Amino acid sequence: MDQPDPAIGRFWLLQLIRLGGIVMVLTGAMAVAGRLRLTEGQGAVLMVGGAVAFFFLPVLLVKHWKSQE
């Protein structure tokens, strides 16, 4: 019982990945809108990368964890 539950750490890692994806999407949207000193192309890349991080990285990470069990 001295070992902490790995599910707690995994849960918070998934939430951090999702939060990072949201921040990337919002930063990209601000760049596309001209609020940041980035080009529209850079903003679009941030938006797509953030969406991928939000939707697909957690799924891939969970599959990886399940394959190790």
C-alpha atoms as a PDB file:
ATOM      1  CA  MET A   1       0.000   0.000   0.000  1.00  0.00           C
ATOM      2  CA  ASP A   2       3.003   2.292   0.019  1.00  0.00           C
ATOM      3  CA  GLN A   3       2.966   2.548  -3.776  1.00  0.00           C
ATOM      4  CA  PRO A   4       0.908   5.445  -5.186  1.00  0.00           C
ATOM      5  CA  ASP A   5      -1.716   4.603  -7.773  1.00  0.00           C
ATOM      6  CA  PRO A   6      -0.267   5.225 -11.281  1.00  0.00           C
ATOM      7  CA  ALA A   7      -3.754   6.074 -12.553  1.00  0.00           C
ATOM      8  CA  ILE A   8      -3.642   9.394 -10.693  1.00  0.00           C
ATOM      9  CA  GLY A   9      -0.461  10.479 -12.442  1.00  0.00           C
ATOM     10  CA  ARG A  10      -1.733   9.277 -15.788  1.00  0.00           C
ATOM     11  CA  PHE A  11      -5.002  11.165 -15.337  1.00  0.00           C
ATOM     12  CA  TRP A  12      -3.210  14.435 -14.605  1.00  0.00           C
ATOM     13  CA  LEU A  13      -0.818  13.903 -17.520  1.00  0.00           C
ATOM     14  CA  LEU A  14      -3.783  13.490 -19.875  1.00  0.00           C
ATOM     15  CA  GLN A  15      -5.374  16.666 -18.513  1.00  0.00           C
ATOM     16  CA  LEU A  16      -2.107  18.582 -18.934  1.00  0.00           C
ATOM     17  CA  ILE A  17      -1.824  17.421 -22.553  1.00  0.00           C
ATOM     18  CA  ARG A  18      -5.402  18.532 -23.238  1.00  0.00           C
ATOM     19  CA  LEU A  19      -4.812  21.905 -21.578  1.00  0.00           C
ATOM     20  CA  GLY A  20      -1.658  22.389 -23.645  1.00  0.00           C
ATOM     21  CA  GLY A  21      -3.637  21.616 -26.787  1.00  0.00           C
ATOM     22  CA  ILE A  22      -6.246  24.228 -25.891  1.00  0.00           C
ATOM     23  CA  VAL A  23      -3.540  26.823 -25.237  1.00  0.00           C
ATOM     24  CA  MET A  24      -1.946  26.035 -28.600  1.00  0.00           C
ATOM     25  CA  VAL A  25      -5.275  26.404 -30.432  1.00  0.00           C
ATOM     26  CA  LEU A  26      -6.036  29.717 -28.733  1.00  0.00           C
ATOM     27  CA  THR A  27      -2.533  31.034 -29.416  1.00  0.00           C
ATOM     28  CA  GLY A  28      -2.858  30.037 -33.057  1.00  0.00           C
ATOM     29  CA  ALA A  29      -6.250  31.721 -33.317  1.00  0.00           C
ATOM     30  CA  MET A  30      -4.800  34.909 -31.860  1.00  0.00           C
ATOM     31  CA  ALA A  31      -1.956  34.767 -34.398  1.00  0.00           C
ATOM     32  CA  VAL A  32      -4.383  34.289 -37.294  1.00  0.00           C
ATOM     33  CA  ALA A  33      -6.440  37.224 -36.015  1.00  0.00           C
ATOM     34  CA  GLY A  34      -3.332  39.414 -35.988  1.00  0.00           C
ATOM     35  CA  ARG A  35      -3.086  39.822 -32.209  1.00  0.00           C
ATOM     36  CA  LEU A  36       0.381  38.246 -31.988  1.00  0.00           C
ATOM     37  CA  ARG A  37       3.614  38.829 -33.880  1.00  0.00           C
ATOM     38  CA  LEU A  38       3.312  35.579 -35.795  1.00  0.00           C
ATOM     39  CA  THR A  39       2.355  34.948 -39.387  1.00  0.00           C
ATOM     40  CA  GLU A  40      -0.998  33.460 -40.284  1.00  0.00           C
ATOM     41  CA  GLY A  41       0.760  30.291 -41.392  1.00  0.00           C
ATOM     42  CA  GLN A  42       2.421  29.891 -38.018  1.00  0.00           C
ATOM     43  CA  GLY A  43      -0.930  30.461 -36.345  1.00  0.00           C
ATOM     44  CA  ALA A  44      -2.561  27.824 -38.523  1.00  0.00           C
ATOM     45  CA  VAL A  45       0.169  25.324 -37.654  1.00  0.00           C
ATOM     46  CA  LEU A  46      -0.368  26.050 -33.956  1.00  0.00           C
ATOM     47  CA  MET A  47      -4.112  25.565 -34.319  1.00  0.00           C
ATOM     48  CA  VAL A  48      -3.750  22.220 -36.118  1.00  0.00           C
ATOM     49  CA  GLY A  49      -1.044  21.049 -33.727  1.00  0.00           C
ATOM     50  CA  GLY A  50      -3.171  22.002 -30.742  1.00  0.00           C
ATOM     51  CA  ALA A  51      -6.175  20.134 -32.113  1.00  0.00           C
ATOM     52  CA  VAL A  52      -4.033  17.044 -32.695  1.00  0.00           C
ATOM     53  CA  ALA A  53      -2.619  17.325 -29.172  1.00  0.00           C
ATOM     54  CA  PHE A  54      -6.103  17.690 -27.690  1.00  0.00           C
ATOM     55  CA  PHE A  55      -7.861  14.911 -29.596  1.00  0.00           C
ATOM     56  CA  PHE A  56      -5.261  12.332 -30.605  1.00  0.00           C
ATOM     57  CA  LEU A  57      -2.314  12.393 -28.187  1.00  0.00           C
ATOM     58  CA  PRO A  58      -4.339  11.257 -25.150  1.00  0.00           C
ATOM     59  CA  VAL A  59      -5.824   8.370 -27.157  1.00  0.00           C
ATOM     60  CA  LEU A  60      -2.399   7.266 -28.378  1.00  0.00           C
ATOM     61  CA  LEU A  61      -0.940   7.522 -24.892  1.00  0.00           C
ATOM     62  CA  VAL A  62      -3.727   5.402 -23.385  1.00  0.00           C
ATOM     63  CA  LYS A  63      -3.221   2.760 -26.093  1.00  0.00           C
ATOM     64  CA  HIS A  64       0.484   2.727 -25.283  1.00  0.00           C
ATOM     65  CA  TRP A  65      -0.207   2.277 -21.570  1.00  0.00           C
ATOM     66  CA  LYS A  66      -2.681  -0.542 -22.225  1.00  0.00           C
ATOM     67  CA  SER A  67      -0.214  -2.369 -24.468  1.00  0.00           C
ATOM     68  CA  GLN A  68       2.366  -2.399 -21.670  1.00  0.00           C
ATOM     69  CA  GLU A  69       0.063  -4.214 -19.240  1.00  0.00           C
END
